[in-house]
Every structure is written in C-alpha cells, then in structure tokens.
C-alpha cells in the first residue's frame, strides 16, 4: 500500500496523486473570491509569475516547504523588482494560491 503523505491518503494502482494541473485563471478566480482588497489582473500576473518561478526552481514536484517560506520568497522577489504592494497583500495571495493547490490536489505546470 502506497500513501500520499501530503494528503494522508492511500494511493491505489497507477494513480498519480499529483495529476490535477492548476489553471492560472481558475486560481485567480479563487483568489479574487477570497481577498478583501482590489487585485488587478496585472498585479495578479506578477504574483503568479513569481510564485510559479519560485515553485519550480526551489520546490518542484515532491519537494517540501513551509507555507510561510514561499510567502516570504515571493515577497522578497517583489521587493527586488521594486513592485509596490503591501506585504500582507502578497502573503495573503500566496497563501490563497497554496490553499487552492491543496484543495484541488494539483500540480503547477
């Protein structure tokens, strides 16, 4: 018996527990439904791009991380690129992205 440690569930047969691909537009819709501030599409695209790059370069499939680590990494990248957005907004959006990924059981391409 194989166990998916991330979701603490049994993996049956040839099942790939990380098959669900994440669509950026669906994530954006999810984030918009849960934030209490204005998040323009251009700002979303910056966050999405930075998140995607950090996810692929530092975490990758099966890598481990703490949620606050990736929030901090995205925030630092924002500051390096001199993109002005309150820290708590960036952290909130990244948290919601991670929450969405966890809920749908997906991977990012």
Protein backbone atom coordinates (compact mmCIF):
# COMPACT_ATOMS: atom_id res chain seq x y z
CA UNK A 1 0.00 0.00 0.00
CA UNK A 2 1.34 3.43 -1.01
CA UNK A 3 0.39 6.51 0.99
CA UNK A 4 0.32 10.10 -0.25
CA UNK A 5 1.92 11.80 2.74
CA UNK A 6 0.74 15.25 1.65
CA UNK A 7 -2.93 14.28 1.88
CA UNK A 8 -2.54 11.24 4.15
CA UNK A 9 -4.48 9.04 1.74
CA UNK A 10 -3.85 5.67 0.15
CA UNK A 11 -2.71 5.73 -3.48
CA UNK A 12 -4.31 2.95 -5.49
CA UNK A 13 -2.85 1.19 -8.53
CA UNK A 14 -1.20 3.50 -11.05
CA UNK A 15 -2.86 6.60 -9.62
CA UNK A 16 -0.75 9.72 -9.65
CA UNK A 17 -1.80 11.81 -6.65
CA UNK A 18 -0.45 14.95 -8.35
CA UNK A 19 -2.26 14.64 -11.69
CA UNK A 20 -4.56 17.65 -11.41
CA UNK A 21 -2.98 20.52 -13.31
CA UNK A 22 -3.51 24.02 -11.98
CA UNK A 23 -5.00 26.62 -14.29
CA UNK A 24 -3.87 30.16 -13.51
CA UNK A 25 -7.25 31.65 -14.42
CA UNK A 26 -9.04 29.32 -12.01
CA UNK A 27 -6.60 30.24 -9.25
CA UNK A 28 -7.12 33.94 -9.98
CA UNK A 29 -10.90 33.48 -9.70
CA UNK A 30 -10.42 31.65 -6.41
CA UNK A 31 -8.13 34.34 -5.04
CA UNK A 32 -10.49 37.14 -6.12
CA UNK A 33 -13.36 35.43 -4.32
CA UNK A 34 -11.37 35.35 -1.07
CA UNK A 35 -9.40 38.61 -0.88
CA UNK A 36 -10.79 41.75 0.69
CA UNK A 37 -8.79 44.15 -1.46
CA UNK A 38 -8.58 45.09 -5.13
CA UNK A 39 -6.29 42.76 -7.08
CA UNK A 40 -5.87 43.98 -10.65
CA UNK A 41 -5.05 41.41 -13.31
CA UNK A 42 -1.62 42.97 -13.90
CA UNK A 43 -0.72 42.59 -10.22
CA UNK A 44 -2.03 39.04 -10.25
CA UNK A 45 0.18 38.22 -13.24
CA UNK A 46 3.27 39.45 -11.34
CA UNK A 47 2.40 37.35 -8.30
CA UNK A 48 1.52 34.32 -10.41
CA UNK A 49 4.75 34.54 -12.42
CA UNK A 50 6.95 34.97 -9.35
CA UNK A 51 5.14 32.17 -7.50
CA UNK A 52 5.50 29.86 -10.50
CA UNK A 53 9.24 30.56 -10.81
CA UNK A 54 9.89 30.01 -7.11
CA UNK A 55 7.72 26.88 -7.05
CA UNK A 56 9.60 25.33 -9.99
CA UNK A 57 13.11 26.39 -9.04
CA UNK A 58 13.04 25.81 -5.29
CA UNK A 59 10.33 23.27 -4.63
CA UNK A 60 9.44 21.22 -7.69
CA UNK A 61 7.29 18.13 -7.62
CA UNK A 62 7.56 16.34 -4.32
CA UNK A 63 9.71 18.99 -2.66
CA UNK A 64 8.90 20.11 0.83
CA UNK A 65 8.46 23.61 2.16
CA UNK A 66 6.70 25.63 4.80
CA UNK A 67 3.91 27.88 3.58
CA UNK A 68 5.45 30.94 5.20
CA UNK A 69 8.75 30.24 3.40
CA UNK A 70 7.23 30.52 -0.05
CA UNK A 71 5.23 33.59 1.05
CA UNK A 72 8.49 35.21 2.15
CA UNK A 73 10.30 34.21 -1.05
CA UNK A 74 7.59 35.77 -3.23
CA UNK A 75 7.59 38.90 -1.08
CA UNK A 76 11.38 39.23 -1.35
CA UNK A 77 11.20 38.91 -5.11
CA UNK A 78 8.57 41.65 -5.20
CA UNK A 79 10.91 43.91 -3.26
CA UNK A 80 13.87 43.08 -5.52
CA UNK A 81 11.79 44.06 -8.55
CA UNK A 82 10.56 47.17 -6.74
CA UNK A 83 6.91 46.25 -7.15
CA UNK A 84 4.90 48.15 -4.59
CA UNK A 85 2.21 46.17 -2.86
CA UNK A 86 1.61 45.83 0.89
CA UNK A 87 3.38 42.81 2.37
CA UNK A 88 0.20 41.39 3.84
CA UNK A 89 -1.49 41.51 0.40
CA UNK A 90 1.28 39.49 -1.21
CA UNK A 91 1.36 36.98 1.64
CA UNK A 92 -2.42 36.68 1.59
CA UNK A 93 -2.49 35.96 -2.16
CA UNK A 94 0.34 33.40 -1.93
CA UNK A 95 -1.43 31.72 0.96
CA UNK A 96 -4.62 31.51 -1.11
CA UNK A 97 -2.69 30.03 -4.07
CA UNK A 98 -1.29 27.33 -1.80
CA UNK A 99 -4.72 26.76 -0.27
CA UNK A 100 -6.20 26.30 -3.75
CA UNK A 101 -3.47 23.85 -4.77
CA UNK A 102 -4.08 21.85 -1.61
CA UNK A 103 -7.86 21.82 -2.11
CA UNK A 104 -7.77 20.57 -5.70
CA UNK A 105 -4.81 18.26 -5.15
CA UNK A 106 -2.89 19.64 -8.06
CA UNK A 107 0.44 20.48 -9.53
CA UNK A 108 1.66 23.62 -11.25
CA UNK A 109 2.97 23.49 -14.81
